[in-house]
Amino acid sequence: MNNSTLLKEEKLEEYFGWIGNSIFISAQMFQIIHTFRVKKTHDLSYGLQILMIIGNTMYSVFGLIDNSLSMFLGNLITLIMTIIQLIQKIYYDRNYYSSYNLIK
């Protein structure tokens, strides 16, 4: 394989990376906005949020090591958004349960 073919394949991979990241970032943005509007998070699990944080951290490090800007930046943004979702979950769950005297 010559250098020009290799460069074209690397660019193609990055394009797919940016498209995939855009989809995942948009999906999380919709969830953050929805959660902000309804102010309820009891349907979201802590396990999902924690595993998403760990997974996105790993993928961000992988993107950094692999010199893939789309992998690094996309997962870093997704990591930040997942942390926002976790903060929303903690905040809204406390408000929900304290208003019903379920937390002492």
PDB file of N, CA and C in Angstrom:
ATOM      1  N   MET A   1       0.854  -1.179   0.000  1.00  0.00           N
ATOM      2  CA  MET A   1       0.000   0.000   0.000  1.00  0.00           C
ATOM      3  C   MET A   1       0.893   1.234   0.000  1.00  0.00           C
ATOM      4  N   ASN A   2       0.642   2.159  -0.916  1.00  0.00           N
ATOM      5  CA  ASN A   2       1.480   3.348  -0.953  1.00  0.00           C
ATOM      6  C   ASN A   2       0.969   4.414   0.013  1.00  0.00           C
ATOM      7  N   ASN A   3       1.757   5.478   0.160  1.00  0.00           N
ATOM      8  CA  ASN A   3       1.433   6.514   1.141  1.00  0.00           C
ATOM      9  C   ASN A   3       0.138   7.251   0.841  1.00  0.00           C
ATOM     10  N   SER A   4      -0.171   7.500  -0.436  1.00  0.00           N
ATOM     11  CA  SER A   4      -1.388   8.245  -0.757  1.00  0.00           C
ATOM     12  C   SER A   4      -2.640   7.431  -0.405  1.00  0.00           C
ATOM     13  N   THR A   5      -2.603   6.126  -0.630  1.00  0.00           N
ATOM     14  CA  THR A   5      -3.741   5.276  -0.257  1.00  0.00           C
ATOM     15  C   THR A   5      -3.903   5.238   1.253  1.00  0.00           C
ATOM     16  N   LEU A   6      -2.783   5.150   1.985  1.00  0.00           N
ATOM     17  CA  LEU A   6      -2.821   5.126   3.433  1.00  0.00           C
ATOM     18  C   LEU A   6      -3.391   6.427   3.983  1.00  0.00           C
ATOM     19  N   LEU A   7      -2.986   7.557   3.404  1.00  0.00           N
ATOM     20  CA  LEU A   7      -3.515   8.855   3.849  1.00  0.00           C
ATOM     21  C   LEU A   7      -5.008   8.958   3.593  1.00  0.00           C
ATOM     22  N   LYS A   8      -5.491   8.469   2.462  1.00  0.00           N
ATOM     23  CA  LYS A   8      -6.914   8.516   2.155  1.00  0.00           C
ATOM     24  C   LYS A   8      -7.705   7.662   3.144  1.00  0.00           C
ATOM     25  N   GLU A   9      -7.184   6.487   3.512  1.00  0.00           N
ATOM     26  CA  GLU A   9      -7.872   5.624   4.468  1.00  0.00           C
ATOM     27  C   GLU A   9      -7.912   6.261   5.855  1.00  0.00           C
ATOM     28  N   GLU A  10      -6.809   6.907   6.261  1.00  0.00           N
ATOM     29  CA  GLU A  10      -6.785   7.574   7.561  1.00  0.00           C
ATOM     30  C   GLU A  10      -7.780   8.725   7.599  1.00  0.00           C
ATOM     31  N   LYS A  11      -7.885   9.484   6.528  1.00  0.00           N
ATOM     32  CA  LYS A  11      -8.855  10.575   6.476  1.00  0.00           C
ATOM     33  C   LYS A  11     -10.272  10.020   6.510  1.00  0.00           C
ATOM     34  N   LEU A  12     -10.514   8.918   5.815  1.00  0.00           N
ATOM     35  CA  LEU A  12     -11.831   8.296   5.806  1.00  0.00           C
ATOM     36  C   LEU A  12     -12.203   7.841   7.214  1.00  0.00           C
ATOM     37  N   GLU A  13     -11.261   7.256   7.925  1.00  0.00           N
ATOM     38  CA  GLU A  13     -11.514   6.832   9.306  1.00  0.00           C
ATOM     39  C   GLU A  13     -11.879   8.019  10.187  1.00  0.00           C
ATOM     40  N   GLU A  14     -11.167   9.115  10.031  1.00  0.00           N
ATOM     41  CA  GLU A  14     -11.442  10.306  10.828  1.00  0.00           C
ATOM     42  C   GLU A  14     -12.815  10.885  10.480  1.00  0.00           C
ATOM     43  N   TYR A  15     -13.203  10.859   9.206  1.00  0.00           N
ATOM     44  CA  TYR A  15     -14.529  11.345   8.823  1.00  0.00           C
ATOM     45  C   TYR A  15     -15.621  10.524   9.503  1.00  0.00           C
ATOM     46  N   PHE A  16     -15.466   9.190   9.471  1.00  0.00           N
ATOM     47  CA  PHE A  16     -16.436   8.338  10.149  1.00  0.00           C
ATOM     48  C   PHE A  16     -16.431   8.613  11.650  1.00  0.00           C
ATOM     49  N   GLY A  17     -15.263   8.869  12.210  1.00  0.00           N
ATOM     50  CA  GLY A  17     -15.160   9.206  13.624  1.00  0.00           C
ATOM     51  C   GLY A  17     -15.913  10.484  13.963  1.00  0.00           C
ATOM     52  N   TRP A  18     -15.753  11.510  13.140  1.00  0.00           N
ATOM     53  CA  TRP A  18     -16.443  12.781  13.399  1.00  0.00           C
ATOM     54  C   TRP A  18     -17.953  12.631  13.253  1.00  0.00           C
ATOM     55  N   ILE A  19     -18.384  11.868  12.252  1.00  0.00           N
ATOM     56  CA  ILE A  19     -19.826  11.653  12.061  1.00  0.00           C
ATOM     57  C   ILE A  19     -20.407  10.892  13.248  1.00  0.00           C
ATOM     58  N   GLY A  20     -19.742   9.824  13.660  1.00  0.00           N
ATOM     59  CA  GLY A  20     -20.206   9.049  14.810  1.00  0.00           C
ATOM     60  C   GLY A  20     -20.231   9.885  16.076  1.00  0.00           C
ATOM     61  N   ASN A  21     -19.186  10.675  16.293  1.00  0.00           N
ATOM     62  CA  ASN A  21     -19.148  11.542  17.470  1.00  0.00           C
ATOM     63  C   ASN A  21     -20.276  12.560  17.456  1.00  0.00           C
ATOM     64  N   SER A  22     -20.559  13.111  16.306  1.00  0.00           N
ATOM     65  CA  SER A  22     -21.645  14.087  16.203  1.00  0.00           C
ATOM     66  C   SER A  22     -22.977  13.471  16.598  1.00  0.00           C
ATOM     67  N   ILE A  23     -23.189  12.230  16.196  1.00  0.00           N
ATOM     68  CA  ILE A  23     -24.433  11.540  16.532  1.00  0.00           C
ATOM     69  C   ILE A  23     -24.515  11.302  18.037  1.00  0.00           C
ATOM     70  N   PHE A  24     -23.442  10.779  18.641  1.00  0.00           N
ATOM     71  CA  PHE A  24     -23.451  10.509  20.083  1.00  0.00           C
ATOM     72  C   PHE A  24     -23.564  11.793  20.902  1.00  0.00           C
ATOM     73  N   ILE A  25     -22.867  12.835  20.499  1.00  0.00           N
ATOM     74  CA  ILE A  25     -22.923  14.108  21.218  1.00  0.00           C
ATOM     75  C   ILE A  25     -24.328  14.697  21.122  1.00  0.00           C
ATOM     76  N   SER A  26     -24.935  14.622  19.950  1.00  0.00           N
ATOM     77  CA  SER A  26     -26.310  15.120  19.779  1.00  0.00           C
ATOM     78  C   SER A  26     -27.283  14.344  20.662  1.00  0.00           C
ATOM     79  N   ALA A  27     -27.128  13.029  20.712  1.00  0.00           N
ATOM     80  CA  ALA A  27     -28.014  12.204  21.538  1.00  0.00           C
ATOM     81  C   ALA A  27     -27.898  12.599  23.010  1.00  0.00           C
ATOM     82  N   GLN A  28     -26.681  12.798  23.482  1.00  0.00           N
ATOM     83  CA  GLN A  28     -26.507  13.185  24.882  1.00  0.00           C
ATOM     84  C   GLN A  28     -27.033  14.592  25.133  1.00  0.00           C
ATOM     85  N   MET A  29     -26.866  15.471  24.166  1.00  0.00           N
ATOM     86  CA  MET A  29     -27.371  16.834  24.335  1.00  0.00           C
ATOM     87  C   MET A  29     -28.895  16.818  24.466  1.00  0.00           C
ATOM     88  N   PHE A  30     -29.561  15.996  23.662  1.00  0.00           N
ATOM     89  CA  PHE A  30     -31.015  15.880  23.776  1.00  0.00           C
ATOM     90  C   PHE A  30     -31.416  15.391  25.165  1.00  0.00           C
ATOM     91  N   GLN A  31     -30.668  14.422  25.709  1.00  0.00           N
ATOM     92  CA  GLN A  31     -30.984  13.901  27.039  1.00  0.00           C
ATOM     93  C   GLN A  31     -30.753  14.958  28.113  1.00  0.00           C
ATOM     94  N   ILE A  32     -29.672  15.714  28.011  1.00  0.00           N
ATOM     95  CA  ILE A  32     -29.387  16.770  28.995  1.00  0.00           C
ATOM     96  C   ILE A  32     -30.483  17.831  28.965  1.00  0.00           C
ATOM     97  N   ILE A  33     -30.899  18.246  27.779  1.00  0.00           N
ATOM     98  CA  ILE A  33     -31.957  19.249  27.654  1.00  0.00           C
ATOM     99  C   ILE A  33     -33.272  18.696  28.184  1.00  0.00           C
ATOM    100  N   HIS A  34     -33.593  17.464  27.841  1.00  0.00           N
ATOM    101  CA  HIS A  34     -34.830  16.839  28.326  1.00  0.00           C
ATOM    102  C   HIS A  34     -34.836  16.768  29.852  1.00  0.00           C
ATOM    103  N   THR A  35     -33.723  16.332  30.420  1.00  0.00           N
ATOM    104  CA  THR A  35     -33.621  16.224  31.874  1.00  0.00           C
ATOM    105  C   THR A  35     -33.777  17.589  32.529  1.00  0.00           C
ATOM    106  N   PHE A  36     -33.187  18.611  31.938  1.00  0.00           N
ATOM    107  CA  PHE A  36     -33.309  19.960  32.475  1.00  0.00           C
ATOM    108  C   PHE A  36     -34.765  20.421  32.456  1.00  0.00           C
ATOM    109  N   ARG A  37     -35.479  20.071  31.398  1.00  0.00           N
ATOM    110  CA  ARG A  37     -36.877  20.495  31.282  1.00  0.00           C
ATOM    111  C   ARG A  37     -37.798  19.762  32.255  1.00  0.00           C
ATOM    112  N   VAL A  38     -37.659  18.441  32.360  1.00  0.00           N
ATOM    113  CA  VAL A  38     -38.583  17.670  33.198  1.00  0.00           C
ATOM    114  C   VAL A  38     -38.126  17.586  34.656  1.00  0.00           C
ATOM    115  N   LYS A  39     -36.847  17.835  34.888  1.00  0.00           N
ATOM    116  CA  LYS A  39     -36.276  17.840  36.237  1.00  0.00           C
ATOM    117  C   LYS A  39     -36.484  16.509  36.960  1.00  0.00           C
ATOM    118  N   LYS A  40     -36.404  15.418  36.215  1.00  0.00           N
ATOM    119  CA  LYS A  40     -36.533  14.071  36.777  1.00  0.00           C
ATOM    120  C   LYS A  40     -35.454  13.185  36.161  1.00  0.00           C
ATOM    121  N   THR A  41     -34.833  12.381  36.997  1.00  0.00           N
ATOM    122  CA  THR A  41     -33.792  11.478  36.501  1.00  0.00           C
ATOM    123  C   THR A  41     -33.895  10.086  37.095  1.00  0.00           C
ATOM    124  N   HIS A  42     -35.001   9.769  37.737  1.00  0.00           N
ATOM    125  CA  HIS A  42     -35.087   8.476  38.404  1.00  0.00           C
ATOM    126  C   HIS A  42     -35.033   7.297  37.428  1.00  0.00           C
ATOM    127  N   ASP A  43     -35.247   7.533  36.146  1.00  0.00           N
ATOM    128  CA  ASP A  43     -35.158   6.463  35.153  1.00  0.00           C
ATOM    129  C   ASP A  43     -33.723   6.218  34.678  1.00  0.00           C
ATOM    130  N   LEU A  44     -32.815   7.119  34.966  1.00  0.00           N
ATOM    131  CA  LEU A  44     -31.414   6.929  34.595  1.00  0.00           C
ATOM    132  C   LEU A  44     -30.709   6.160  35.705  1.00  0.00           C
ATOM    133  N   SER A  45     -29.847   5.232  35.346  1.00  0.00           N
ATOM    134  CA  SER A  45     -29.158   4.452  36.372  1.00  0.00           C
ATOM    135  C   SER A  45     -27.768   5.017  36.631  1.00  0.00           C
ATOM    136  N   TYR A  46     -27.359   4.926  37.892  1.00  0.00           N
ATOM    137  CA  TYR A  46     -26.009   5.349  38.261  1.00  0.00           C
ATOM    138  C   TYR A  46     -24.976   4.444  37.598  1.00  0.00           C
ATOM    139  N   GLY A  47     -25.291   3.161  37.491  1.00  0.00           N
ATOM    140  CA  GLY A  47     -24.361   2.227  36.869  1.00  0.00           C
ATOM    141  C   GLY A  47     -24.024   2.616  35.442  1.00  0.00           C
ATOM    142  N   LEU A  48     -25.042   2.985  34.668  1.00  0.00           N
ATOM    143  CA  LEU A  48     -24.819   3.421  33.294  1.00  0.00           C
ATOM    144  C   LEU A  48     -23.915   4.646  33.265  1.00  0.00           C
ATOM    145  N   GLN A  49     -24.194   5.615  34.108  1.00  0.00           N
ATOM    146  CA  GLN A  49     -23.418   6.859  34.107  1.00  0.00           C
ATOM    147  C   GLN A  49     -21.951   6.590  34.468  1.00  0.00           C
ATOM    148  N   ILE A  50     -21.729   5.773  35.487  1.00  0.00           N
ATOM    149  CA  ILE A  50     -20.358   5.466  35.915  1.00  0.00           C
ATOM    150  C   ILE A  50     -19.598   4.711  34.832  1.00  0.00           C
ATOM    151  N   LEU A  51     -20.238   3.709  34.231  1.00  0.00           N
ATOM    152  CA  LEU A  51     -19.575   2.951  33.168  1.00  0.00           C
ATOM    153  C   LEU A  51     -19.319   3.812  31.933  1.00  0.00           C
ATOM    154  N   MET A  52     -20.222   4.732  31.631  1.00  0.00           N
ATOM    155  CA  MET A  52     -20.000   5.659  30.505  1.00  0.00           C
ATOM    156  C   MET A  52     -18.794   6.557  30.786  1.00  0.00           C
ATOM    157  N   ILE A  53     -18.664   7.016  32.027  1.00  0.00           N
ATOM    158  CA  ILE A  53     -17.513   7.860  32.383  1.00  0.00           C
ATOM    159  C   ILE A  53     -16.217   7.073  32.225  1.00  0.00           C
ATOM    160  N   ILE A  54     -16.196   5.854  32.737  1.00  0.00           N
ATOM    161  CA  ILE A  54     -14.989   5.028  32.628  1.00  0.00           C
ATOM    162  C   ILE A  54     -14.677   4.726  31.161  1.00  0.00           C
ATOM    163  N   GLY A  55     -15.694   4.311  30.397  1.00  0.00           N
ATOM    164  CA  GLY A  55     -15.489   3.987  28.987  1.00  0.00           C
ATOM    165  C   GLY A  55     -15.028   5.171  28.164  1.00  0.00           C
ATOM    166  N   ASN A  56     -15.639   6.333  28.368  1.00  0.00           N
ATOM    167  CA  ASN A  56     -15.237   7.519  27.606  1.00  0.00           C
ATOM    168  C   ASN A  56     -13.848   8.002  28.007  1.00  0.00           C
ATOM    169  N   THR A  57     -13.477   7.806  29.268  1.00  0.00           N
ATOM    170  CA  THR A  57     -12.108   8.140  29.682  1.00  0.00           C
ATOM    171  C   THR A  57     -11.119   7.247  28.956  1.00  0.00           C
ATOM    172  N   MET A  58     -11.416   5.949  28.901  1.00  0.00           N
ATOM    173  CA  MET A  58     -10.531   5.008  28.217  1.00  0.00           C
ATOM    174  C   MET A  58     -10.411   5.336  26.721  1.00  0.00           C
ATOM    175  N   TYR A  59     -11.541   5.619  26.090  1.00  0.00           N
ATOM    176  CA  TYR A  59     -11.501   5.959  24.667  1.00  0.00           C
ATOM    177  C   TYR A  59     -10.779   7.278  24.419  1.00  0.00           C
ATOM    178  N   SER A  60     -10.908   8.232  25.318  1.00  0.00           N
ATOM    179  CA  SER A  60     -10.182   9.499  25.169  1.00  0.00           C
ATOM    180  C   SER A  60      -8.679   9.267  25.241  1.00  0.00           C
ATOM    181  N   VAL A  61      -8.253   8.454  26.197  1.00  0.00           N
ATOM    182  CA  VAL A  61      -6.823   8.130  26.313  1.00  0.00           C
ATOM    183  C   VAL A  61      -6.360   7.375  25.074  1.00  0.00           C
ATOM    184  N   PHE A  62      -7.179   6.429  24.605  1.00  0.00           N
ATOM    185  CA  PHE A  62      -6.828   5.697  23.386  1.00  0.00           C
ATOM    186  C   PHE A  62      -6.662   6.656  22.204  1.00  0.00           C
ATOM    187  N   GLY A  63      -7.588   7.600  22.051  1.00  0.00           N
ATOM    188  CA  GLY A  63      -7.493   8.571  20.962  1.00  0.00           C
ATOM    189  C   GLY A  63      -6.242   9.413  21.055  1.00  0.00           C
ATOM    190  N   LEU A  64      -5.839   9.748  22.267  1.00  0.00           N
ATOM    191  CA  LEU A  64      -4.614  10.522  22.480  1.00  0.00           C
ATOM    192  C   LEU A  64      -3.390   9.689  22.092  1.00  0.00           C
ATOM    193  N   ILE A  65      -3.356   8.443  22.541  1.00  0.00           N
ATOM    194  CA  ILE A  65      -2.229   7.555  22.230  1.00  0.00           C
ATOM    195  C   ILE A  65      -2.168   7.255  20.733  1.00  0.00           C
ATOM    196  N   ASP A  66      -3.338   7.067  20.116  1.00  0.00           N
ATOM    197  CA  ASP A  66      -3.419   6.699  18.702  1.00  0.00           C
ATOM    198  C   ASP A  66      -3.330   7.915  17.769  1.00  0.00           C
ATOM    199  N   ASN A  67      -3.204   9.096  18.329  1.00  0.00           N
ATOM    200  CA  ASN A  67      -3.155  10.341  17.547  1.00  0.00           C
ATOM    201  C   ASN A  67      -4.397  10.524  16.682  1.00  0.00           C
ATOM    202  N   SER A  68      -5.551  10.140  17.210  1.00  0.00           N
ATOM    203  CA  SER A  68      -6.813  10.307  16.493  1.00  0.00           C
ATOM    204  C   SER A  68      -7.578  11.452  17.154  1.00  0.00           C
ATOM    205  N   LEU A  69      -7.599  12.586  16.486  1.00  0.00           N
ATOM    206  CA  LEU A  69      -8.274  13.758  17.044  1.00  0.00           C
ATOM    207  C   LEU A  69      -9.767  13.503  17.206  1.00  0.00           C
ATOM    208  N   SER A  70     -10.389  12.816  16.237  1.00  0.00           N
ATOM    209  CA  SER A  70     -11.828  12.559  16.349  1.00  0.00           C
ATOM    210  C   SER A  70     -12.125  11.642  17.532  1.00  0.00           C
ATOM    211  N   MET A  71     -11.303  10.638  17.740  1.00  0.00           N
ATOM    212  CA  MET A  71     -11.507   9.710  18.860  1.00  0.00           C
ATOM    213  C   MET A  71     -11.291  10.438  20.189  1.00  0.00           C
ATOM    214  N   PHE A  72     -10.221  11.215  20.276  1.00  0.00           N
ATOM    215  CA  PHE A  72      -9.910  11.918  21.516  1.00  0.00           C
ATOM    216  C   PHE A  72     -10.950  12.987  21.834  1.00  0.00           C
ATOM    217  N   LEU A  73     -11.154  13.895  20.915  1.00  0.00           N
ATOM    218  CA  LEU A  73     -12.024  15.041  21.179  1.00  0.00           C
ATOM    219  C   LEU A  73     -13.482  14.619  21.324  1.00  0.00           C
ATOM    220  N   GLY A  74     -13.939  13.723  20.472  1.00  0.00           N
ATOM    221  CA  GLY A  74     -15.324  13.261  20.550  1.00  0.00           C
ATOM    222  C   GLY A  74     -15.631  12.595  21.876  1.00  0.00           C
ATOM    223  N   ASN A  75     -14.729  11.740  22.343  1.00  0.00           N
ATOM    224  CA  ASN A  75     -14.958  11.056  23.613  1.00  0.00           C
ATOM    225  C   ASN A  75     -14.742  11.974  24.801  1.00  0.00           C
ATOM    226  N   LEU A  76     -13.865  12.950  24.664  1.00  0.00           N
ATOM    227  CA  LEU A  76     -13.692  13.927  25.740  1.00  0.00           C
ATOM    228  C   LEU A  76     -14.964  14.758  25.922  1.00  0.00           C
ATOM    229  N   ILE A  77     -15.558  15.185  24.810  1.00  0.00           N
ATOM    230  CA  ILE A  77     -16.810  15.941  24.882  1.00  0.00           C
ATOM    231  C   ILE A  77     -17.921  15.059  25.468  1.00  0.00           C
ATOM    232  N   THR A  78     -17.985  13.809  25.017  1.00  0.00           N
ATOM    233  CA  THR A  78     -18.988  12.888  25.542  1.00  0.00           C
ATOM    234  C   THR A  78     -18.760  12.632  27.030  1.00  0.00           C
ATOM    235  N   LEU A  79     -17.509  12.552  27.443  1.00  0.00           N
ATOM    236  CA  LEU A  79     -17.177  12.379  28.862  1.00  0.00           C
ATOM    237  C   LEU A  79     -17.692  13.552  29.681  1.00  0.00           C
ATOM    238  N   ILE A  80     -17.457  14.760  29.210  1.00  0.00           N
ATOM    239  CA  ILE A  80     -17.924  15.959  29.914  1.00  0.00           C
ATOM    240  C   ILE A  80     -19.448  15.964  29.998  1.00  0.00           C
ATOM    241  N   MET A  81     -20.104  15.589  28.910  1.00  0.00           N
ATOM    242  CA  MET A  81     -21.569  15.571  28.912  1.00  0.00           C
ATOM    243  C   MET A  81     -22.111  14.484  29.838  1.00  0.00           C
ATOM    244  N   THR A  82     -21.419  13.353  29.933  1.00  0.00           N
ATOM    245  CA  THR A  82     -21.844  12.295  30.848  1.00  0.00           C
ATOM    246  C   THR A  82     -21.692  12.754  32.293  1.00  0.00           C
ATOM    247  N   ILE A  83     -20.629  13.493  32.583  1.00  0.00           N
ATOM    248  CA  ILE A  83     -20.457  14.051  33.931  1.00  0.00           C
ATOM    249  C   ILE A  83     -21.590  15.030  34.235  1.00  0.00           C
ATOM    250  N   ILE A  84     -21.989  15.820  33.246  1.00  0.00           N
ATOM    251  CA  ILE A  84     -23.130  16.740  33.433  1.00  0.00           C
ATOM    252  C   ILE A  84     -24.390  15.932  33.741  1.00  0.00           C
ATOM    253  N   GLN A  85     -24.605  14.837  33.012  1.00  0.00           N
ATOM    254  CA  GLN A  85     -25.778  13.996  33.273  1.00  0.00           C
ATOM    255  C   GLN A  85     -25.736  13.400  34.677  1.00  0.00           C
ATOM    256  N   LEU A  86     -24.570  12.988  35.125  1.00  0.00           N
ATOM    257  CA  LEU A  86     -24.444  12.437  36.476  1.00  0.00           C
ATOM    258  C   LEU A  86     -24.746  13.508  37.529  1.00  0.00           C
ATOM    259  N   ILE A  87     -24.259  14.709  37.303  1.00  0.00           N
ATOM    260  CA  ILE A  87     -24.554  15.819  38.216  1.00  0.00           C
ATOM    261  C   ILE A  87     -26.056  16.094  38.235  1.00  0.00           C
ATOM    262  N   GLN A  88     -26.687  16.095  37.055  1.00  0.00           N
ATOM    263  CA  GLN A  88     -28.135  16.277  36.993  1.00  0.00           C
ATOM    264  C   GLN A  88     -28.841  15.181  37.785  1.00  0.00           C
ATOM    265  N   LYS A  89     -28.398  13.940  37.627  1.00  0.00           N
ATOM    266  CA  LYS A  89     -29.033  12.828  38.327  1.00  0.00           C
ATOM    267  C   LYS A  89     -28.924  13.006  39.835  1.00  0.00           C
ATOM    268  N   ILE A  90     -27.760  13.311  40.326  1.00  0.00           N
ATOM    269  CA  ILE A  90     -27.576  13.512  41.764  1.00  0.00           C
ATOM    270  C   ILE A  90     -28.452  14.656  42.253  1.00  0.00           C
ATOM    271  N   TYR A  91     -28.434  15.786  41.545  1.00  0.00           N
ATOM    272  CA  TYR A  91     -29.185  16.972  41.960  1.00  0.00           C
ATOM    273  C   TYR A  91     -30.695  16.723  41.944  1.00  0.00           C
ATOM    274  N   TYR A  92     -31.212  16.225  40.823  1.00  0.00           N
ATOM    275  CA  TYR A  92     -32.659  16.053  40.701  1.00  0.00           C
ATOM    276  C   TYR A  92     -33.181  14.897  41.555  1.00  0.00           C
ATOM    277  N   ASP A  93     -32.380  13.845  41.729  1.00  0.00           N
ATOM    278  CA  ASP A  93     -32.811  12.762  42.625  1.00  0.00           C
ATOM    279  C   ASP A  93     -32.916  13.259  44.063  1.00  0.00           C
ATOM    280  N   ARG A  94     -31.960  14.044  44.484  1.00  0.00           N
ATOM    281  CA  ARG A  94     -32.030  14.593  45.847  1.00  0.00           C
ATOM    282  C   ARG A  94     -33.254  15.474  46.016  1.00  0.00           C
ATOM    283  N   ASN A  95     -33.525  16.313  45.055  1.00  0.00           N
ATOM    284  CA  ASN A  95     -34.705  17.183  45.140  1.00  0.00           C
ATOM    285  C   ASN A  95     -35.994  16.382  45.104  1.00  0.00           C
ATOM    286  N   TYR A  96     -36.043  15.370  44.257  1.00  0.00           N
ATOM    287  CA  TYR A  96     -37.251  14.547  44.128  1.00  0.00           C
ATOM    288  C   TYR A  96     -37.518  13.787  45.417  1.00  0.00           C
ATOM    289  N   TYR A  97     -36.508  13.097  45.907  1.00  0.00           N
ATOM    290  CA  TYR A  97     -36.713  12.273  47.099  1.00  0.00           C
ATOM    291  C   TYR A  97     -36.869  13.107  48.364  1.00  0.00           C
ATOM    292  N   SER A  98     -36.183  14.251  48.448  1.00  0.00           N
ATOM    293  CA  SER A  98     -36.330  15.078  49.653  1.00  0.00           C
ATOM    294  C   SER A  98     -37.699  15.742  49.690  1.00  0.00           C
ATOM    295  N   SER A  99     -38.285  16.019  48.534  1.00  0.00           N
ATOM    296  CA  SER A  99     -39.620  16.622  48.549  1.00  0.00           C
ATOM    297  C   SER A  99     -40.679  15.634  49.006  1.00  0.00           C
ATOM    298  N   TYR A 100     -40.381  14.357  48.925  1.00  0.00           N
ATOM    299  CA  TYR A 100     -41.315  13.333  49.398  1.00  0.00           C
ATOM    300  C   TYR A 100     -40.834  12.710  50.702  1.00  0.00           C
ATOM    301  N   ASN A 101     -39.883  13.350  51.355  1.00  0.00           N
ATOM    302  CA  ASN A 101     -39.320  12.889  52.634  1.00  0.00           C
ATOM    303  C   ASN A 101     -38.827  11.449  52.572  1.00  0.00           C
ATOM    304  N   LEU A 102     -38.268  11.081  51.442  1.00  0.00           N
ATOM    305  CA  LEU A 102     -37.747   9.727  51.302  1.00  0.00           C
ATOM    306  C   LEU A 102     -36.283   9.643  51.688  1.00  0.00           C
ATOM    307  N   ILE A 103     -35.614  10.804  51.744  1.00  0.00           N
ATOM    308  CA  ILE A 103     -34.227  10.853  52.197  1.00  0.00           C
ATOM    309  C   ILE A 103     -34.218  11.520  53.561  1.00  0.00           C
ATOM    310  N   LYS A 104     -33.552  10.928  54.502  1.00  0.00           N
ATOM    311  CA  LYS A 104     -33.516  11.505  55.856  1.00  0.00           C
ATOM    312  C   LYS A 104     -32.261  12.306  56.061  1.00  0.00           C
TER     313      LYS A 104
END
